Amino acid sequence: MEELTVESAERDGWTVLSLKGDLDVYTAPRLKEAIAESVDRGGKLVAVDLSEVRFLDSTGLAVIVGGMKRVKENDGSLVLVAPNDQIRRILTITDLIKILQVRDSIESVVSG
């Protein structure tokens, strides 16, 4: 198990949350808090960069879905960025790929 770090940066109107490590039952509250802080600051556009996340469990998925709902309640949008093949497979198997926006790069998100 690897700890999770969450770095937040503003880029072209988006809050970019860059994650590194494992997103699991122990670490998911960090992401939940980061999304909540973004929304509480008035952020409507949230990009969750998963490019350095190696492991994702059901708790991590639940936090992502809950974060998407919270952002949408504030007329915003949450996008997942650069999930690895294993995480993409989980999103596909769970059908979350149909409700979550997934992009290949931060540049493709912030540019339009």
PDB file of N, CA and C in Angstrom:
ATOM      1  N   MET A   1       0.838  -1.185   0.000  1.00  0.00           N
ATOM      2  CA  MET A   1       0.000   0.000   0.000  1.00  0.00           C
ATOM      3  C   MET A   1       0.881   1.247   0.000  1.00  0.00           C
ATOM      4  N   GLU A   2       0.555   2.162  -0.897  1.00  0.00           N
ATOM      5  CA  GLU A   2       1.305   3.407  -0.993  1.00  0.00           C
ATOM      6  C   GLU A   2       0.399   4.559  -0.573  1.00  0.00           C
ATOM      7  N   GLU A   3       0.955   5.470   0.186  1.00  0.00           N
ATOM      8  CA  GLU A   3       0.209   6.654   0.582  1.00  0.00           C
ATOM      9  C   GLU A   3      -0.267   7.421  -0.644  1.00  0.00           C
ATOM     10  N   LEU A   4      -1.234   8.263  -0.454  1.00  0.00           N
ATOM     11  CA  LEU A   4      -1.757   9.090  -1.535  1.00  0.00           C
ATOM     12  C   LEU A   4      -1.426  10.545  -1.253  1.00  0.00           C
ATOM     13  N   THR A   5      -0.867  11.210  -2.247  1.00  0.00           N
ATOM     14  CA  THR A   5      -0.699  12.651  -2.143  1.00  0.00           C
ATOM     15  C   THR A   5      -1.656  13.296  -3.137  1.00  0.00           C
ATOM     16  N   VAL A   6      -2.199  14.424  -2.740  1.00  0.00           N
ATOM     17  CA  VAL A   6      -3.122  15.174  -3.587  1.00  0.00           C
ATOM     18  C   VAL A   6      -2.604  16.605  -3.669  1.00  0.00           C
ATOM     19  N   GLU A   7      -2.246  17.001  -4.879  1.00  0.00           N
ATOM     20  CA  GLU A   7      -1.807  18.377  -5.098  1.00  0.00           C
ATOM     21  C   GLU A   7      -2.874  19.098  -5.899  1.00  0.00           C
ATOM     22  N   SER A   8      -3.189  20.303  -5.479  1.00  0.00           N
ATOM     23  CA  SER A   8      -4.224  21.098  -6.139  1.00  0.00           C
ATOM     24  C   SER A   8      -3.594  22.304  -6.820  1.00  0.00           C
ATOM     25  N   ALA A   9      -4.017  22.537  -8.068  1.00  0.00           N
ATOM     26  CA  ALA A   9      -3.526  23.700  -8.809  1.00  0.00           C
ATOM     27  C   ALA A   9      -4.665  24.240  -9.666  1.00  0.00           C
ATOM     28  N   GLU A  10      -4.641  25.529  -9.908  1.00  0.00           N
ATOM     29  CA  GLU A  10      -5.631  26.155 -10.779  1.00  0.00           C
ATOM     30  C   GLU A  10      -5.024  26.299 -12.164  1.00  0.00           C
ATOM     31  N   ARG A  11      -5.812  25.948 -13.175  1.00  0.00           N
ATOM     32  CA  ARG A  11      -5.306  26.058 -14.550  1.00  0.00           C
ATOM     33  C   ARG A  11      -6.462  26.353 -15.498  1.00  0.00           C
ATOM     34  N   ASP A  12      -6.454  27.533 -16.072  1.00  0.00           N
ATOM     35  CA  ASP A  12      -7.451  27.947 -17.056  1.00  0.00           C
ATOM     36  C   ASP A  12      -8.888  27.713 -16.579  1.00  0.00           C
ATOM     37  N   GLY A  13      -9.150  28.079 -15.332  1.00  0.00           N
ATOM     38  CA  GLY A  13     -10.499  27.937 -14.785  1.00  0.00           C
ATOM     39  C   GLY A  13     -10.799  26.574 -14.183  1.00  0.00           C
ATOM     40  N   TRP A  14      -9.883  25.638 -14.312  1.00  0.00           N
ATOM     41  CA  TRP A  14     -10.051  24.292 -13.763  1.00  0.00           C
ATOM     42  C   TRP A  14      -9.250  24.145 -12.476  1.00  0.00           C
ATOM     43  N   THR A  15      -9.803  23.418 -11.521  1.00  0.00           N
ATOM     44  CA  THR A  15      -9.033  22.952 -10.382  1.00  0.00           C
ATOM     45  C   THR A  15      -8.496  21.588 -10.778  1.00  0.00           C
ATOM     46  N   VAL A  16      -7.188  21.467 -10.851  1.00  0.00           N
ATOM     47  CA  VAL A  16      -6.559  20.197 -11.213  1.00  0.00           C
ATOM     48  C   VAL A  16      -6.047  19.545  -9.932  1.00  0.00           C
ATOM     49  N   LEU A  17      -6.611  18.370  -9.634  1.00  0.00           N
ATOM     50  CA  LEU A  17      -6.187  17.594  -8.476  1.00  0.00           C
ATOM     51  C   LEU A  17      -5.298  16.464  -8.987  1.00  0.00           C
ATOM     52  N   SER A  18      -4.010  16.571  -8.721  1.00  0.00           N
ATOM     53  CA  SER A  18      -3.051  15.568  -9.180  1.00  0.00           C
ATOM     54  C   SER A  18      -2.809  14.574  -8.055  1.00  0.00           C
ATOM     55  N   LEU A  19      -3.160  13.323  -8.318  1.00  0.00           N
ATOM     56  CA  LEU A  19      -3.032  12.276  -7.314  1.00  0.00           C
ATOM     57  C   LEU A  19      -1.802  11.436  -7.597  1.00  0.00           C
ATOM     58  N   LYS A  20      -1.173  10.965  -6.525  1.00  0.00           N
ATOM     59  CA  LYS A  20      -0.036  10.067  -6.671  1.00  0.00           C
ATOM     60  C   LYS A  20      -0.106   9.034  -5.551  1.00  0.00           C
ATOM     61  N   GLY A  21      -0.140   7.757  -5.942  1.00  0.00           N
ATOM     62  CA  GLY A  21      -0.192   6.684  -4.953  1.00  0.00           C
ATOM     63  C   GLY A  21      -1.402   5.797  -5.160  1.00  0.00           C
ATOM     64  N   ASP A  22      -1.883   5.217  -4.062  1.00  0.00           N
ATOM     65  CA  ASP A  22      -3.030   4.317  -4.103  1.00  0.00           C
ATOM     66  C   ASP A  22      -4.279   5.047  -3.608  1.00  0.00           C
ATOM     67  N   LEU A  23      -5.375   4.894  -4.339  1.00  0.00           N
ATOM     68  CA  LEU A  23      -6.656   5.491  -3.959  1.00  0.00           C
ATOM     69  C   LEU A  23      -7.521   4.364  -3.428  1.00  0.00           C
ATOM     70  N   ASP A  24      -7.538   4.240  -2.100  1.00  0.00           N
ATOM     71  CA  ASP A  24      -8.225   3.108  -1.489  1.00  0.00           C
ATOM     72  C   ASP A  24      -8.974   3.538  -0.230  1.00  0.00           C
ATOM     73  N   VAL A  25      -9.457   2.567   0.518  1.00  0.00           N
ATOM     74  CA  VAL A  25     -10.270   2.838   1.698  1.00  0.00           C
ATOM     75  C   VAL A  25      -9.547   3.738   2.699  1.00  0.00           C
ATOM     76  N   TYR A  26      -8.227   3.648   2.758  1.00  0.00           N
ATOM     77  CA  TYR A  26      -7.473   4.441   3.718  1.00  0.00           C
ATOM     78  C   TYR A  26      -7.176   5.847   3.227  1.00  0.00           C
ATOM     79  N   THR A  27      -7.038   6.002   1.932  1.00  0.00           N
ATOM     80  CA  THR A  27      -6.583   7.285   1.386  1.00  0.00           C
ATOM     81  C   THR A  27      -7.678   8.093   0.689  1.00  0.00           C
ATOM     82  N   ALA A  28      -8.786   7.455   0.350  1.00  0.00           N
ATOM     83  CA  ALA A  28      -9.864   8.140  -0.390  1.00  0.00           C
ATOM     84  C   ALA A  28     -10.375   9.398   0.307  1.00  0.00           C
ATOM     85  N   PRO A  29     -10.412   9.446   1.646  1.00  0.00           N
ATOM     86  CA  PRO A  29     -10.878  10.686   2.283  1.00  0.00           C
ATOM     87  C   PRO A  29     -10.077  11.923   1.876  1.00  0.00           C
ATOM     88  N   ARG A  30      -8.814  11.761   1.502  1.00  0.00           N
ATOM     89  CA  ARG A  30      -8.018  12.918   1.051  1.00  0.00           C
ATOM     90  C   ARG A  30      -8.589  13.501  -0.236  1.00  0.00           C
ATOM     91  N   LEU A  31      -8.981  12.621  -1.161  1.00  0.00           N
ATOM     92  CA  LEU A  31      -9.573  13.103  -2.411  1.00  0.00           C
ATOM     93  C   LEU A  31     -10.927  13.740  -2.133  1.00  0.00           C
ATOM     94  N   LYS A  32     -11.721  13.104  -1.285  1.00  0.00           N
ATOM     95  CA  LYS A  32     -13.041  13.655  -0.943  1.00  0.00           C
ATOM     96  C   LYS A  32     -12.898  15.068  -0.379  1.00  0.00           C
ATOM     97  N   GLU A  33     -11.938  15.259   0.500  1.00  0.00           N
ATOM     98  CA  GLU A  33     -11.697  16.568   1.103  1.00  0.00           C
ATOM     99  C   GLU A  33     -11.238  17.585   0.056  1.00  0.00           C
ATOM    100  N   ALA A  34     -10.364  17.169  -0.853  1.00  0.00           N
ATOM    101  CA  ALA A  34      -9.857  18.082  -1.882  1.00  0.00           C
ATOM    102  C   ALA A  34     -10.978  18.531  -2.824  1.00  0.00           C
ATOM    103  N   ILE A  35     -11.868  17.610  -3.191  1.00  0.00           N
ATOM    104  CA  ILE A  35     -13.001  17.971  -4.053  1.00  0.00           C
ATOM    105  C   ILE A  35     -13.926  18.924  -3.304  1.00  0.00           C
ATOM    106  N   ALA A  36     -14.206  18.604  -2.047  1.00  0.00           N
ATOM    107  CA  ALA A  36     -15.088  19.464  -1.243  1.00  0.00           C
ATOM    108  C   ALA A  36     -14.504  20.867  -1.106  1.00  0.00           C
ATOM    109  N   GLU A  37     -13.201  20.971  -0.867  1.00  0.00           N
ATOM    110  CA  GLU A  37     -12.562  22.284  -0.751  1.00  0.00           C
ATOM    111  C   GLU A  37     -12.688  23.072  -2.047  1.00  0.00           C
ATOM    112  N   SER A  38     -12.521  22.392  -3.168  1.00  0.00           N
ATOM    113  CA  SER A  38     -12.646  23.065  -4.465  1.00  0.00           C
ATOM    114  C   SER A  38     -14.055  23.612  -4.660  1.00  0.00           C
ATOM    115  N   VAL A  39     -15.049  22.789  -4.376  1.00  0.00           N
ATOM    116  CA  VAL A  39     -16.446  23.209  -4.526  1.00  0.00           C
ATOM    117  C   VAL A  39     -16.763  24.346  -3.559  1.00  0.00           C
ATOM    118  N   ASP A  40     -16.288  24.224  -2.320  1.00  0.00           N
ATOM    119  CA  ASP A  40     -16.555  25.259  -1.320  1.00  0.00           C
ATOM    120  C   ASP A  40     -15.928  26.596  -1.707  1.00  0.00           C
ATOM    121  N   ARG A  41     -14.840  26.570  -2.467  1.00  0.00           N
ATOM    122  CA  ARG A  41     -14.203  27.807  -2.948  1.00  0.00           C
ATOM    123  C   ARG A  41     -14.893  28.342  -4.194  1.00  0.00           C
ATOM    124  N   GLY A  42     -15.928  27.647  -4.658  1.00  0.00           N
ATOM    125  CA  GLY A  42     -16.647  28.100  -5.834  1.00  0.00           C
ATOM    126  C   GLY A  42     -16.203  27.450  -7.121  1.00  0.00           C
ATOM    127  N   GLY A  43     -15.315  26.466  -7.027  1.00  0.00           N
ATOM    128  CA  GLY A  43     -14.840  25.772  -8.221  1.00  0.00           C
ATOM    129  C   GLY A  43     -15.942  24.942  -8.862  1.00  0.00           C
ATOM    130  N   LYS A  44     -16.116  25.103 -10.155  1.00  0.00           N
ATOM    131  CA  LYS A  44     -17.130  24.355 -10.882  1.00  0.00           C
ATOM    132  C   LYS A  44     -16.519  23.334 -11.831  1.00  0.00           C
ATOM    133  N   LEU A  45     -15.249  23.487 -12.123  1.00  0.00           N
ATOM    134  CA  LEU A  45     -14.568  22.598 -13.056  1.00  0.00           C
ATOM    135  C   LEU A  45     -13.418  21.913 -12.317  1.00  0.00           C
ATOM    136  N   VAL A  46     -13.530  20.589 -12.179  1.00  0.00           N
ATOM    137  CA  VAL A  46     -12.542  19.820 -11.433  1.00  0.00           C
ATOM    138  C   VAL A  46     -12.002  18.699 -12.314  1.00  0.00           C
ATOM    139  N   ALA A  47     -10.693  18.652 -12.463  1.00  0.00           N
ATOM    140  CA  ALA A  47     -10.027  17.580 -13.201  1.00  0.00           C
ATOM    141  C   ALA A  47      -9.221  16.759 -12.205  1.00  0.00           C
ATOM    142  N   VAL A  48      -9.474  15.462 -12.163  1.00  0.00           N
ATOM    143  CA  VAL A  48      -8.760  14.567 -11.258  1.00  0.00           C
ATOM    144  C   VAL A  48      -7.736  13.785 -12.088  1.00  0.00           C
ATOM    145  N   ASP A  49      -6.471  14.139 -11.916  1.00  0.00           N
ATOM    146  CA  ASP A  49      -5.386  13.524 -12.681  1.00  0.00           C
ATOM    147  C   ASP A  49      -4.992  12.209 -12.011  1.00  0.00           C
ATOM    148  N   LEU A  50      -5.305  11.108 -12.692  1.00  0.00           N
ATOM    149  CA  LEU A  50      -5.031   9.771 -12.165  1.00  0.00           C
ATOM    150  C   LEU A  50      -3.770   9.147 -12.770  1.00  0.00           C
ATOM    151  N   SER A  51      -2.992   9.920 -13.485  1.00  0.00           N
ATOM    152  CA  SER A  51      -1.846   9.361 -14.214  1.00  0.00           C
ATOM    153  C   SER A  51      -0.828   8.683 -13.300  1.00  0.00           C
ATOM    154  N   GLU A  52      -0.785   9.077 -12.029  1.00  0.00           N
ATOM    155  CA  GLU A  52       0.174   8.459 -11.112  1.00  0.00           C
ATOM    156  C   GLU A  52      -0.510   7.644 -10.015  1.00  0.00           C
ATOM    157  N   VAL A  53      -1.760   7.238 -10.278  1.00  0.00           N
ATOM    158  CA  VAL A  53      -2.474   6.345  -9.357  1.00  0.00           C
ATOM    159  C   VAL A  53      -2.306   4.925  -9.867  1.00  0.00           C
ATOM    160  N   ARG A  54      -1.772   4.072  -9.018  1.00  0.00           N
ATOM    161  CA  ARG A  54      -1.520   2.682  -9.421  1.00  0.00           C
ATOM    162  C   ARG A  54      -2.649   1.751  -9.042  1.00  0.00           C
ATOM    163  N   PHE A  55      -3.387   2.078  -7.987  1.00  0.00           N
ATOM    164  CA  PHE A  55      -4.415   1.180  -7.472  1.00  0.00           C
ATOM    165  C   PHE A  55      -5.655   1.973  -7.100  1.00  0.00           C
ATOM    166  N   LEU A  56      -6.811   1.415  -7.416  1.00  0.00           N
ATOM    167  CA  LEU A  56      -8.095   2.046  -7.108  1.00  0.00           C
ATOM    168  C   LEU A  56      -9.038   0.968  -6.610  1.00  0.00           C
ATOM    169  N   ASP A  57      -9.635   1.177  -5.425  1.00  0.00           N
ATOM    170  CA  ASP A  57     -10.605   0.207  -4.928  1.00  0.00           C
ATOM    171  C   ASP A  57     -12.010   0.812  -4.940  1.00  0.00           C
ATOM    172  N   SER A  58     -12.972   0.053  -4.423  1.00  0.00           N
ATOM    173  CA  SER A  58     -14.370   0.487  -4.475  1.00  0.00           C
ATOM    174  C   SER A  58     -14.606   1.765  -3.675  1.00  0.00           C
ATOM    175  N   THR A  59     -13.864   1.964  -2.611  1.00  0.00           N
ATOM    176  CA  THR A  59     -14.018   3.200  -1.835  1.00  0.00           C
ATOM    177  C   THR A  59     -13.550   4.389  -2.658  1.00  0.00           C
ATOM    178  N   GLY A  60     -12.453   4.217  -3.359  1.00  0.00           N
ATOM    179  CA  GLY A  60     -11.968   5.278  -4.246  1.00  0.00           C
ATOM    180  C   GLY A  60     -12.976   5.599  -5.325  1.00  0.00           C
ATOM    181  N   LEU A  61     -13.577   4.554  -5.907  1.00  0.00           N
ATOM    182  CA  LEU A  61     -14.634   4.757  -6.921  1.00  0.00           C
ATOM    183  C   LEU A  61     -15.802   5.532  -6.332  1.00  0.00           C
ATOM    184  N   ALA A  62     -16.207   5.143  -5.124  1.00  0.00           N
ATOM    185  CA  ALA A  62     -17.344   5.812  -4.478  1.00  0.00           C
ATOM    186  C   ALA A  62     -17.053   7.288  -4.240  1.00  0.00           C
ATOM    187  N   VAL A  63     -15.824   7.614  -3.861  1.00  0.00           N
ATOM    188  CA  VAL A  63     -15.454   9.016  -3.643  1.00  0.00           C
ATOM    189  C   VAL A  63     -15.483   9.784  -4.960  1.00  0.00           C
ATOM    190  N   ILE A  64     -15.019   9.152  -6.038  1.00  0.00           N
ATOM    191  CA  ILE A  64     -15.059   9.805  -7.348  1.00  0.00           C
ATOM    192  C   ILE A  64     -16.501  10.081  -7.769  1.00  0.00           C
ATOM    193  N   VAL A  65     -17.369   9.084  -7.624  1.00  0.00           N
ATOM    194  CA  VAL A  65     -18.777   9.267  -7.995  1.00  0.00           C
ATOM    195  C   VAL A  65     -19.429  10.321  -7.100  1.00  0.00           C
ATOM    196  N   GLY A  66     -19.165  10.261  -5.806  1.00  0.00           N
ATOM    197  CA  GLY A  66     -19.704  11.265  -4.893  1.00  0.00           C
ATOM    198  C   GLY A  66     -19.195  12.656  -5.223  1.00  0.00           C
ATOM    199  N   GLY A  67     -17.926  12.750  -5.595  1.00  0.00           N
ATOM    200  CA  GLY A  67     -17.352  14.037  -5.988  1.00  0.00           C
ATOM    201  C   GLY A  67     -18.001  14.574  -7.245  1.00  0.00           C
ATOM    202  N   MET A  68     -18.250  13.679  -8.210  1.00  0.00           N
ATOM    203  CA  MET A  68     -18.922  14.090  -9.448  1.00  0.00           C
ATOM    204  C   MET A  68     -20.314  14.651  -9.127  1.00  0.00           C
ATOM    205  N   LYS A  69     -21.035  13.971  -8.249  1.00  0.00           N
ATOM    206  CA  LYS A  69     -22.383  14.436  -7.876  1.00  0.00           C
ATOM    207  C   LYS A  69     -22.316  15.790  -7.188  1.00  0.00           C
ATOM    208  N   ARG A  70     -21.354  15.945  -6.286  1.00  0.00           N
ATOM    209  CA  ARG A  70     -21.234  17.218  -5.568  1.00  0.00           C
ATOM    210  C   ARG A  70     -20.915  18.363  -6.521  1.00  0.00           C
ATOM    211  N   VAL A  71     -20.011  18.123  -7.454  1.00  0.00           N
ATOM    212  CA  VAL A  71     -19.653  19.160  -8.425  1.00  0.00           C
ATOM    213  C   VAL A  71     -20.857  19.477  -9.318  1.00  0.00           C
ATOM    214  N   LYS A  72     -21.577  18.446  -9.773  1.00  0.00           N
ATOM    215  CA  LYS A  72     -22.748  18.658 -10.635  1.00  0.00           C
ATOM    216  C   LYS A  72     -23.850  19.420  -9.918  1.00  0.00           C
ATOM    217  N   GLU A  73     -24.014  19.186  -8.620  1.00  0.00           N
ATOM    218  CA  GLU A  73     -25.022  19.914  -7.839  1.00  0.00           C
ATOM    219  C   GLU A  73     -24.757  21.411  -7.861  1.00  0.00           C
ATOM    220  N   ASN A  74     -23.512  21.780  -8.110  1.00  0.00           N
ATOM    221  CA  ASN A  74     -23.122  23.185  -8.190  1.00  0.00           C
ATOM    222  C   ASN A  74     -22.921  23.621  -9.638  1.00  0.00           C
ATOM    223  N   ASP A  75     -23.624  22.925 -10.545  1.00  0.00           N
ATOM    224  CA  ASP A  75     -23.584  23.227 -11.977  1.00  0.00           C
ATOM    225  C   ASP A  75     -22.175  23.150 -12.551  1.00  0.00           C
ATOM    226  N   GLY A  76     -21.399  22.200 -12.058  1.00  0.00           N
ATOM    227  CA  GLY A  76     -20.045  22.047 -12.530  1.00  0.00           C
ATOM    228  C   GLY A  76     -19.812  20.729 -13.227  1.00  0.00           C
ATOM    229  N   SER A  77     -18.538  20.435 -13.446  1.00  0.00           N
ATOM    230  CA  SER A  77     -18.141  19.235 -14.170  1.00  0.00           C
ATOM    231  C   SER A  77     -16.877  18.657 -13.545  1.00  0.00           C
ATOM    232  N   LEU A  78     -16.855  17.324 -13.394  1.00  0.00           N
ATOM    233  CA  LEU A  78     -15.674  16.621 -12.911  1.00  0.00           C
ATOM    234  C   LEU A  78     -15.203  15.686 -14.015  1.00  0.00           C
ATOM    235  N   VAL A  79     -13.909  15.730 -14.308  1.00  0.00           N
ATOM    236  CA  VAL A  79     -13.324  14.922 -15.369  1.00  0.00           C
ATOM    237  C   VAL A  79     -12.170  14.109 -14.792  1.00  0.00           C
ATOM    238  N   LEU A  80     -12.106  12.830 -15.155  1.00  0.00           N
ATOM    239  CA  LEU A  80     -10.958  11.999 -14.794  1.00  0.00           C
ATOM    240  C   LEU A  80      -9.942  12.071 -15.919  1.00  0.00           C
ATOM    241  N   VAL A  81      -8.674  12.175 -15.544  1.00  0.00           N
ATOM    242  CA  VAL A  81      -7.626  12.345 -16.544  1.00  0.00           C
ATOM    243  C   VAL A  81      -6.591  11.228 -16.427  1.00  0.00           C
ATOM    244  N   ALA A  82      -6.284  10.637 -17.559  1.00  0.00           N
ATOM    245  CA  ALA A  82      -5.181   9.689 -17.734  1.00  0.00           C
ATOM    246  C   ALA A  82      -5.180   8.495 -16.780  1.00  0.00           C
ATOM    247  N   PRO A  83      -6.326   7.818 -16.622  1.00  0.00           N
ATOM    248  CA  PRO A  83      -6.290   6.600 -15.811  1.00  0.00           C
ATOM    249  C   PRO A  83      -5.496   5.515 -16.546  1.00  0.00           C
ATOM    250  N   ASN A  84      -4.791   4.683 -15.787  1.00  0.00           N
ATOM    251  CA  ASN A  84      -4.031   3.604 -16.420  1.00  0.00           C
ATOM    252  C   ASN A  84      -5.001   2.529 -16.940  1.00  0.00           C
ATOM    253  N   ASP A  85      -4.475   1.547 -17.624  1.00  0.00           N
ATOM    254  CA  ASP A  85      -5.319   0.511 -18.237  1.00  0.00           C
ATOM    255  C   ASP A  85      -6.140  -0.252 -17.208  1.00  0.00           C
ATOM    256  N   GLN A  86      -5.554  -0.536 -16.045  1.00  0.00           N
ATOM    257  CA  GLN A  86      -6.274  -1.259 -15.000  1.00  0.00           C
ATOM    258  C   GLN A  86      -7.466  -0.431 -14.492  1.00  0.00           C
ATOM    259  N   ILE A  87      -7.253   0.843 -14.272  1.00  0.00           N
ATOM    260  CA  ILE A  87      -8.335   1.702 -13.781  1.00  0.00           C
ATOM    261  C   ILE A  87      -9.398   1.884 -14.864  1.00  0.00           C
ATOM    262  N   ARG A  88      -8.987   2.041 -16.105  1.00  0.00           N
ATOM    263  CA  ARG A  88      -9.957   2.109 -17.212  1.00  0.00           C
ATOM    264  C   ARG A  88     -10.818   0.847 -17.260  1.00  0.00           C
ATOM    265  N   ARG A  89     -10.178  -0.286 -17.039  1.00  0.00           N
ATOM    266  CA  ARG A  89     -10.913  -1.562 -17.049  1.00  0.00           C
ATOM    267  C   ARG A  89     -11.949  -1.587 -15.929  1.00  0.00           C
ATOM    268  N   ILE A  90     -11.578  -1.130 -14.747  1.00  0.00           N
ATOM    269  CA  ILE A  90     -12.517  -1.061 -13.618  1.00  0.00           C
ATOM    270  C   ILE A  90     -13.685  -0.142 -13.970  1.00  0.00           C
ATOM    271  N   LEU A  91     -13.392   1.006 -14.566  1.00  0.00           N
ATOM    272  CA  LEU A  91     -14.448   1.946 -14.957  1.00  0.00           C
ATOM    273  C   LEU A  91     -15.377   1.321 -15.999  1.00  0.00           C
ATOM    274  N   THR A  92     -14.818   0.527 -16.895  1.00  0.00           N
ATOM    275  CA  THR A  92     -15.611  -0.133 -17.930  1.00  0.00           C
ATOM    276  C   THR A  92     -16.480  -1.246 -17.341  1.00  0.00           C
ATOM    277  N   ILE A  93     -15.882  -2.093 -16.514  1.00  0.00           N
ATOM    278  CA  ILE A  93     -16.614  -3.220 -15.906  1.00  0.00           C
ATOM    279  C   ILE A  93     -17.778  -2.720 -15.058  1.00  0.00           C
ATOM    280  N   THR A  94     -17.567  -1.617 -14.337  1.00  0.00           N
ATOM    281  CA  THR A  94     -18.604  -1.076 -13.460  1.00  0.00           C
ATOM    282  C   THR A  94     -19.591  -0.170 -14.198  1.00  0.00           C
ATOM    283  N   ASP A  95     -19.373   0.032 -15.495  1.00  0.00           N
ATOM    284  CA  ASP A  95     -20.187   0.933 -16.319  1.00  0.00           C
ATOM    285  C   ASP A  95     -20.062   2.406 -15.922  1.00  0.00           C
ATOM    286  N   LEU A  96     -19.131   2.719 -15.035  1.00  0.00           N
ATOM    287  CA  LEU A  96     -18.928   4.121 -14.664  1.00  0.00           C
ATOM    288  C   LEU A  96     -18.332   4.920 -15.815  1.00  0.00           C
ATOM    289  N   ILE A  97     -17.726   4.228 -16.761  1.00  0.00           N
ATOM    290  CA  ILE A  97     -17.175   4.898 -17.943  1.00  0.00           C
ATOM    291  C   ILE A  97     -18.276   5.632 -18.720  1.00  0.00           C
ATOM    292  N   LYS A  98     -19.527   5.180 -18.527  1.00  0.00           N
ATOM    293  CA  LYS A  98     -20.660   5.798 -19.226  1.00  0.00           C
ATOM    294  C   LYS A  98     -21.129   7.087 -18.568  1.00  0.00           C
ATOM    295  N   ILE A  99     -20.841   7.265 -17.275  1.00  0.00           N
ATOM    296  CA  ILE A  99     -21.315   8.467 -16.586  1.00  0.00           C
ATOM    297  C   ILE A  99     -20.195   9.429 -16.204  1.00  0.00           C
ATOM    298  N   LEU A 100     -18.962   8.924 -16.184  1.00  0.00           N
ATOM    299  CA  LEU A 100     -17.828   9.778 -15.855  1.00  0.00           C
ATOM    300  C   LEU A 100     -17.138  10.234 -17.137  1.00  0.00           C
ATOM    301  N   GLN A 101     -16.725  11.469 -17.163  1.00  0.00           N
ATOM    302  CA  GLN A 101     -15.941  11.960 -18.291  1.00  0.00           C
ATOM    303  C   GLN A 101     -14.491  11.535 -18.080  1.00  0.00           C
ATOM    304  N   VAL A 102     -13.895  10.932 -19.093  1.00  0.00           N
ATOM    305  CA  VAL A 102     -12.505  10.489 -19.009  1.00  0.00           C
ATOM    306  C   VAL A 102     -11.740  11.066 -20.191  1.00  0.00           C
ATOM    307  N   ARG A 103     -10.619  11.700 -19.904  1.00  0.00           N
ATOM    308  CA  ARG A 103      -9.772  12.281 -20.936  1.00  0.00           C
ATOM    309  C   ARG A 103      -8.363  11.735 -20.801  1.00  0.00           C
ATOM    310  N   ASP A 104      -7.594  11.864 -21.875  1.00  0.00           N
ATOM    311  CA  ASP A 104      -6.237  11.316 -21.893  1.00  0.00           C
ATOM    312  C   ASP A 104      -5.185  12.244 -21.304  1.00  0.00           C
ATOM    313  N   SER A 105      -5.464  13.549 -21.273  1.00  0.00           N
ATOM    314  CA  SER A 105      -4.448  14.482 -20.779  1.00  0.00           C
ATOM    315  C   SER A 105      -5.102  15.728 -20.180  1.00  0.00           C
ATOM    316  N   ILE A 106      -4.364  16.375 -19.306  1.00  0.00           N
ATOM    317  CA  ILE A 106      -4.821  17.642 -18.728  1.00  0.00           C
ATOM    318  C   ILE A 106      -5.006  18.672 -19.846  1.00  0.00           C
ATOM    319  N   GLU A 107      -4.103  18.668 -20.810  1.00  0.00           N
ATOM    320  CA  GLU A 107      -4.188  19.643 -21.910  1.00  0.00           C
ATOM    321  C   GLU A 107      -5.515  19.511 -22.658  1.00  0.00           C
ATOM    322  N   SER A 108      -5.987  18.282 -22.866  1.00  0.00           N
ATOM    323  CA  SER A 108      -7.251  18.092 -23.584  1.00  0.00           C
ATOM    324  C   SER A 108      -8.438  18.576 -22.757  1.00  0.00           C
ATOM    325  N   VAL A 109      -8.276  18.635 -21.449  1.00  0.00           N
ATOM    326  CA  VAL A 109      -9.356  19.123 -20.579  1.00  0.00           C
ATOM    327  C   VAL A 109      -9.383  20.637 -20.561  1.00  0.00           C
ATOM    328  N   VAL A 110      -8.249  21.247 -20.265  1.00  0.00           N
ATOM    329  CA  VAL A 110      -8.233  22.701 -20.077  1.00  0.00           C
ATOM    330  C   VAL A 110      -8.320  23.470 -21.385  1.00  0.00           C
ATOM    331  N   SER A 111      -8.015  22.819 -22.499  1.00  0.00           N
ATOM    332  CA  SER A 111      -8.070  23.520 -23.786  1.00  0.00           C
ATOM    333  C   SER A 111      -9.457  23.498 -24.411  1.00  0.00           C
ATOM    334  N   GLY A 112     -10.349  22.760 -23.804  1.00  0.00           N
ATOM    335  CA  GLY A 112     -11.686  22.827 -24.375  1.00  0.00           C
ATOM    336  C   GLY A 112     -12.387  21.540 -24.405  1.00  0.00           C
TER     337      GLY A 112
END
